Amino acid sequence: MPRPLGELEDAVMTRVWQWNRPVTVREVLEDLQQERSIAYTTVMTVMDNLHQKGWVRREAEGRAYRYTAVSTRAAYSAALMNEAWSTSDNPAAALVAFFGMMSAEQRDALRDAFRIVGYDDGSAAEPPAEPSAGPATGAAPGPAAEPAAGAPAATPPEVPPAEGDSAGRGTEPGR
């Protein structure tokens, strides 16, 4: 499980995620300098730390590097939520409290997410069994289980596998 990013790490990763392309320390520095006074070496150190922690990969370009995100912000957020939930001594109560904090927009997003993964409102069908990962050769997992009687047959949108994961799950940087 990744540890939460520090404030400056998050500011750097936000740019890497938003730009969604290989970036240089200079590009990130110039953007950060619009908000704060910061040294080139500080940004370079943060980006090197993010590389060492597995958040970004880098490729040499001349005497500099271009950095690319290994995972998405959504995958990072999901991993943080999963870690927080899984460490609760009462996961059901934690979810109830979490849902109670949600705005109307967040509840709508949750309903949309349930529809995307093939659940209806959560009451008519058991969630589909998680497919086992395919063999190390990168083969896809076996066919999905049939939906329960009365459950809508939903087809989730095609999502390309995350970098380094043939089963389509994101990686967990920092491990």
C-alpha atoms as a PDB file:
ATOM      1  CA  MET A   1       0.000   0.000   0.000  1.00  0.00           C
ATOM      2  CA  PRO A   2       1.364   3.388  -0.884  1.00  0.00           C
ATOM      3  CA  ARG A   3       1.879   5.912   1.846  1.00  0.00           C
ATOM      4  CA  PRO A   4       0.152   9.223   1.272  1.00  0.00           C
ATOM      5  CA  LEU A   5       2.216  11.640  -0.760  1.00  0.00           C
ATOM      6  CA  GLY A   6       3.722  14.600   1.040  1.00  0.00           C
ATOM      7  CA  GLU A   7       2.562  18.109   0.137  1.00  0.00           C
ATOM      8  CA  LEU A   8       5.358  18.808  -2.377  1.00  0.00           C
ATOM      9  CA  GLU A   9       5.260  15.257  -3.774  1.00  0.00           C
ATOM     10  CA  ASP A  10       1.535  15.707  -4.358  1.00  0.00           C
ATOM     11  CA  ALA A  11       2.086  19.075  -6.081  1.00  0.00           C
ATOM     12  CA  VAL A  12       4.631  17.459  -8.425  1.00  0.00           C
ATOM     13  CA  MET A  13       2.530  14.344  -9.085  1.00  0.00           C
ATOM     14  CA  THR A  14      -0.550  16.494  -9.740  1.00  0.00           C
ATOM     15  CA  ARG A  15       1.285  18.075 -12.657  1.00  0.00           C
ATOM     16  CA  VAL A  16       2.609  14.759 -13.945  1.00  0.00           C
ATOM     17  CA  TRP A  17      -0.910  13.267 -13.796  1.00  0.00           C
ATOM     18  CA  GLN A  18      -2.608  16.319 -15.329  1.00  0.00           C
ATOM     19  CA  TRP A  19      -0.153  16.694 -18.189  1.00  0.00           C
ATOM     20  CA  ASN A  20      -0.242  12.942 -18.890  1.00  0.00           C
ATOM     21  CA  ARG A  21       3.020  12.988 -20.835  1.00  0.00           C
ATOM     22  CA  PRO A  22       6.732  12.715 -20.067  1.00  0.00           C
ATOM     23  CA  VAL A  23       7.863  15.846 -18.206  1.00  0.00           C
ATOM     24  CA  THR A  24      11.180  17.365 -17.211  1.00  0.00           C
ATOM     25  CA  VAL A  25      12.223  18.819 -13.879  1.00  0.00           C
ATOM     26  CA  ARG A  26      12.449  22.237 -15.587  1.00  0.00           C
ATOM     27  CA  GLU A  27       8.787  22.067 -16.743  1.00  0.00           C
ATOM     28  CA  VAL A  28       7.545  21.121 -13.296  1.00  0.00           C
ATOM     29  CA  LEU A  29       9.767  23.773 -11.684  1.00  0.00           C
ATOM     30  CA  GLU A  30       8.454  26.548 -13.933  1.00  0.00           C
ATOM     31  CA  ASP A  31       4.865  25.595 -13.194  1.00  0.00           C
ATOM     32  CA  LEU A  32       5.457  25.320  -9.434  1.00  0.00           C
ATOM     33  CA  GLN A  33       7.198  28.721  -9.416  1.00  0.00           C
ATOM     34  CA  GLN A  34       3.885  30.326 -10.392  1.00  0.00           C
ATOM     35  CA  GLU A  35       2.648  29.395  -6.885  1.00  0.00           C
ATOM     36  CA  ARG A  36       5.759  29.444  -4.705  1.00  0.00           C
ATOM     37  CA  SER A  37       9.453  30.149  -4.599  1.00  0.00           C
ATOM     38  CA  ILE A  38      11.242  26.843  -5.101  1.00  0.00           C
ATOM     39  CA  ALA A  39      14.706  25.763  -6.240  1.00  0.00           C
ATOM     40  CA  TYR A  40      15.477  23.538  -9.222  1.00  0.00           C
ATOM     41  CA  THR A  41      17.419  21.154  -6.971  1.00  0.00           C
ATOM     42  CA  THR A  42      14.413  20.781  -4.654  1.00  0.00           C
ATOM     43  CA  VAL A  43      12.137  19.733  -7.530  1.00  0.00           C
ATOM     44  CA  MET A  44      14.867  17.458  -8.899  1.00  0.00           C
ATOM     45  CA  THR A  45      15.205  15.770  -5.490  1.00  0.00           C
ATOM     46  CA  VAL A  46      11.434  15.313  -5.141  1.00  0.00           C
ATOM     47  CA  MET A  47      11.190  13.799  -8.633  1.00  0.00           C
ATOM     48  CA  ASP A  48      14.132  11.499  -7.908  1.00  0.00           C
ATOM     49  CA  ASN A  49      12.447  10.437  -4.647  1.00  0.00           C
ATOM     50  CA  LEU A  50       9.199   9.757  -6.538  1.00  0.00           C
ATOM     51  CA  HIS A  51      11.220   7.623  -8.965  1.00  0.00           C
ATOM     52  CA  GLN A  52      12.869   5.719  -6.102  1.00  0.00           C
ATOM     53  CA  LYS A  53       9.429   5.119  -4.523  1.00  0.00           C
ATOM     54  CA  GLY A  54       8.029   3.787  -7.807  1.00  0.00           C
ATOM     55  CA  TRP A  55       5.584   6.602  -8.581  1.00  0.00           C
ATOM     56  CA  VAL A  56       7.318   7.680 -11.799  1.00  0.00           C
ATOM     57  CA  ARG A  57       9.656   6.089 -14.292  1.00  0.00           C
ATOM     58  CA  ARG A  58      12.280   8.097 -16.072  1.00  0.00           C
ATOM     59  CA  GLU A  59      14.137   8.017 -19.337  1.00  0.00           C
ATOM     60  CA  ALA A  60      17.362   9.837 -20.013  1.00  0.00           C
ATOM     61  CA  GLU A  61      17.193  12.626 -22.558  1.00  0.00           C
ATOM     62  CA  GLY A  62      20.612  14.181 -22.991  1.00  0.00           C
ATOM     63  CA  ARG A  63      21.820  15.210 -19.538  1.00  0.00           C
ATOM     64  CA  ALA A  64      18.306  15.319 -18.080  1.00  0.00           C
ATOM     65  CA  TYR A  65      15.434  12.895 -17.499  1.00  0.00           C
ATOM     66  CA  ARG A  66      11.836  12.820 -18.666  1.00  0.00           C
ATOM     67  CA  TYR A  67       9.482  11.492 -15.991  1.00  0.00           C
ATOM     68  CA  THR A  68       6.206   9.629 -16.595  1.00  0.00           C
ATOM     69  CA  ALA A  69       3.603   8.551 -14.028  1.00  0.00           C
ATOM     70  CA  VAL A  70       3.466   4.813 -13.347  1.00  0.00           C
ATOM     71  CA  SER A  71      -0.108   4.930 -12.049  1.00  0.00           C
ATOM     72  CA  THR A  72      -3.106   7.265 -12.230  1.00  0.00           C
ATOM     73  CA  ARG A  73      -4.383   9.606  -9.546  1.00  0.00           C
ATOM     74  CA  ALA A  74      -7.570   7.504  -9.474  1.00  0.00           C
ATOM     75  CA  ALA A  75      -5.558   4.356  -8.717  1.00  0.00           C
ATOM     76  CA  TYR A  76      -3.611   6.221  -6.021  1.00  0.00           C
ATOM     77  CA  SER A  77      -6.832   7.489  -4.420  1.00  0.00           C
ATOM     78  CA  ALA A  78      -8.418   4.037  -4.581  1.00  0.00           C
ATOM     79  CA  ALA A  79      -5.394   2.452  -2.905  1.00  0.00           C
ATOM     80  CA  LEU A  80      -5.515   5.017  -0.095  1.00  0.00           C
ATOM     81  CA  MET A  81      -9.249   4.429   0.428  1.00  0.00           C
ATOM     82  CA  ASN A  82      -8.765   0.658   0.392  1.00  0.00           C
ATOM     83  CA  GLU A  83      -5.955   0.866   2.937  1.00  0.00           C
ATOM     84  CA  ALA A  84      -7.983   3.097   5.255  1.00  0.00           C
ATOM     85  CA  TRP A  85     -11.007   0.823   5.006  1.00  0.00           C
ATOM     86  CA  SER A  86      -9.066  -2.414   5.437  1.00  0.00           C
ATOM     87  CA  THR A  87      -7.377  -1.190   8.622  1.00  0.00           C
ATOM     88  CA  SER A  88     -10.707  -0.494  10.333  1.00  0.00           C
ATOM     89  CA  ASP A  89     -11.716  -2.827  13.133  1.00  0.00           C
ATOM     90  CA  ASN A  90     -15.324  -2.432  11.908  1.00  0.00           C
ATOM     91  CA  PRO A  91     -15.327  -2.027   8.096  1.00  0.00           C
ATOM     92  CA  ALA A  92     -19.141  -1.817   7.872  1.00  0.00           C
ATOM     93  CA  ALA A  93     -19.282   1.033  10.387  1.00  0.00           C
ATOM     94  CA  ALA A  94     -16.412   2.768   8.587  1.00  0.00           C
ATOM     95  CA  LEU A  95     -18.333   2.590   5.316  1.00  0.00           C
ATOM     96  CA  VAL A  96     -21.516   3.899   6.930  1.00  0.00           C
ATOM     97  CA  ALA A  97     -19.581   6.840   8.383  1.00  0.00           C
ATOM     98  CA  PHE A  98     -17.847   7.441   5.036  1.00  0.00           C
ATOM     99  CA  PHE A  99     -21.128   7.375   3.103  1.00  0.00           C
ATOM    100  CA  GLY A 100     -22.581   9.808   5.654  1.00  0.00           C
ATOM    101  CA  MET A 101     -19.827  12.297   4.788  1.00  0.00           C
ATOM    102  CA  MET A 102     -20.483  12.135   1.038  1.00  0.00           C
ATOM    103  CA  SER A 103     -21.966  15.017  -0.909  1.00  0.00           C
ATOM    104  CA  ALA A 104     -24.834  14.443  -3.336  1.00  0.00           C
ATOM    105  CA  GLU A 105     -22.325  14.544  -6.209  1.00  0.00           C
ATOM    106  CA  GLN A 106     -20.161  11.910  -4.535  1.00  0.00           C
ATOM    107  CA  ARG A 107     -23.189   9.658  -3.967  1.00  0.00           C
ATOM    108  CA  ASP A 108     -24.061  10.031  -7.665  1.00  0.00           C
ATOM    109  CA  ALA A 109     -20.484   9.088  -8.569  1.00  0.00           C
ATOM    110  CA  LEU A 110     -20.751   6.037  -6.305  1.00  0.00           C
ATOM    111  CA  ARG A 111     -23.981   4.943  -8.024  1.00  0.00           C
ATOM    112  CA  ASP A 112     -22.298   5.412 -11.414  1.00  0.00           C
ATOM    113  CA  ALA A 113     -19.329   3.339 -10.252  1.00  0.00           C
ATOM    114  CA  PHE A 114     -21.653   0.512  -9.143  1.00  0.00           C
ATOM    115  CA  ARG A 115     -23.304   0.555 -12.573  1.00  0.00           C
ATOM    116  CA  ILE A 116     -19.925   0.461 -14.332  1.00  0.00           C
ATOM    117  CA  VAL A 117     -18.725  -2.594 -12.401  1.00  0.00           C
ATOM    118  CA  GLY A 118     -22.003  -4.392 -12.959  1.00  0.00           C
ATOM    119  CA  TYR A 119     -23.845  -3.898  -9.659  1.00  0.00           C
ATOM    120  CA  ASP A 120     -27.273  -2.371  -9.650  1.00  0.00           C
ATOM    121  CA  ASP A 121     -28.238  -0.448  -6.512  1.00  0.00           C
ATOM    122  CA  GLY A 122     -26.389  -3.049  -4.452  1.00  0.00           C
ATOM    123  CA  SER A 123     -29.489  -4.968  -3.323  1.00  0.00           C
ATOM    124  CA  ALA A 124     -30.395  -7.309  -6.205  1.00  0.00           C
ATOM    125  CA  ALA A 125     -27.218  -9.271  -6.789  1.00  0.00           C
ATOM    126  CA  GLU A 126     -24.055 -10.357  -5.131  1.00  0.00           C
ATOM    127  CA  PRO A 127     -20.971  -8.669  -6.557  1.00  0.00           C
ATOM    128  CA  PRO A 128     -19.262 -10.746  -9.250  1.00  0.00           C
ATOM    129  CA  ALA A 129     -16.421 -12.924  -8.022  1.00  0.00           C
ATOM    130  CA  GLU A 130     -13.065 -11.302  -8.620  1.00  0.00           C
ATOM    131  CA  PRO A 131     -11.375 -13.134 -11.491  1.00  0.00           C
ATOM    132  CA  SER A 132      -8.116 -14.794 -10.692  1.00  0.00           C
ATOM    133  CA  ALA A 133      -5.067 -13.317 -12.320  1.00  0.00           C
ATOM    134  CA  GLY A 134      -3.907 -15.004 -15.484  1.00  0.00           C
ATOM    135  CA  PRO A 135      -0.605 -16.834 -15.725  1.00  0.00           C
ATOM    136  CA  ALA A 136       2.631 -14.885 -15.704  1.00  0.00           C
ATOM    137  CA  THR A 137       2.662 -15.014 -19.500  1.00  0.00           C
ATOM    138  CA  GLY A 138       0.082 -12.221 -19.520  1.00  0.00           C
ATOM    139  CA  ALA A 139      -2.897 -14.322 -20.565  1.00  0.00           C
ATOM    140  CA  ALA A 140      -6.258 -12.861 -19.697  1.00  0.00           C
ATOM    141  CA  PRO A 141      -8.264 -14.302 -16.812  1.00  0.00           C
ATOM    142  CA  GLY A 142     -11.013 -16.820 -17.516  1.00  0.00           C
ATOM    143  CA  PRO A 143     -14.572 -15.901 -18.473  1.00  0.00           C
ATOM    144  CA  ALA A 144     -16.644 -13.885 -16.030  1.00  0.00           C
ATOM    145  CA  ALA A 145     -19.317 -15.568 -13.962  1.00  0.00           C
ATOM    146  CA  GLU A 146     -22.918 -15.326 -15.125  1.00  0.00           C
ATOM    147  CA  PRO A 147     -24.958 -12.650 -13.343  1.00  0.00           C
ATOM    148  CA  ALA A 148     -27.383 -13.800 -10.662  1.00  0.00           C
ATOM    149  CA  ALA A 149     -31.025 -14.292 -11.652  1.00  0.00           C
ATOM    150  CA  GLY A 150     -32.718 -10.943 -12.063  1.00  0.00           C
ATOM    151  CA  ALA A 151     -29.426  -9.034 -12.060  1.00  0.00           C
ATOM    152  CA  PRO A 152     -28.772  -6.797 -15.036  1.00  0.00           C
ATOM    153  CA  ALA A 153     -26.069  -8.010 -17.381  1.00  0.00           C
ATOM    154  CA  ALA A 154     -23.729  -5.039 -17.524  1.00  0.00           C
ATOM    155  CA  THR A 155     -20.634  -4.802 -19.630  1.00  0.00           C
ATOM    156  CA  PRO A 156     -18.005  -2.608 -18.046  1.00  0.00           C
ATOM    157  CA  PRO A 157     -16.144  -0.297 -20.426  1.00  0.00           C
ATOM    158  CA  GLU A 158     -12.861  -1.512 -21.848  1.00  0.00           C
ATOM    159  CA  VAL A 159     -10.058  -0.342 -19.592  1.00  0.00           C
ATOM    160  CA  PRO A 160      -6.507  -0.981 -20.714  1.00  0.00           C
ATOM    161  CA  PRO A 161      -4.320  -2.810 -18.199  1.00  0.00           C
ATOM    162  CA  ALA A 162      -2.191  -0.611 -15.974  1.00  0.00           C
ATOM    163  CA  GLU A 163       1.518  -0.547 -16.661  1.00  0.00           C
ATOM    164  CA  GLY A 164       3.066  -3.849 -15.631  1.00  0.00           C
ATOM    165  CA  ASP A 165      -0.216  -5.613 -14.828  1.00  0.00           C
ATOM    166  CA  SER A 166      -1.834  -7.890 -17.372  1.00  0.00           C
ATOM    167  CA  ALA A 167      -4.904  -8.368 -15.173  1.00  0.00           C
ATOM    168  CA  GLY A 168      -5.777  -4.679 -15.431  1.00  0.00           C
ATOM    169  CA  ARG A 169      -5.246  -3.792 -11.794  1.00  0.00           C
ATOM    170  CA  GLY A 170      -3.085  -0.792 -11.005  1.00  0.00           C
ATOM    171  CA  THR A 171       0.328  -1.159  -9.489  1.00  0.00           C
ATOM    172  CA  GLU A 172       1.033  -0.130  -5.951  1.00  0.00           C
ATOM    173  CA  PRO A 173       3.964   2.262  -6.055  1.00  0.00           C
ATOM    174  CA  GLY A 174       6.113   2.497  -3.000  1.00  0.00           C
ATOM    175  CA  ARG A 175       6.236  -1.211  -2.351  1.00  0.00           C
END
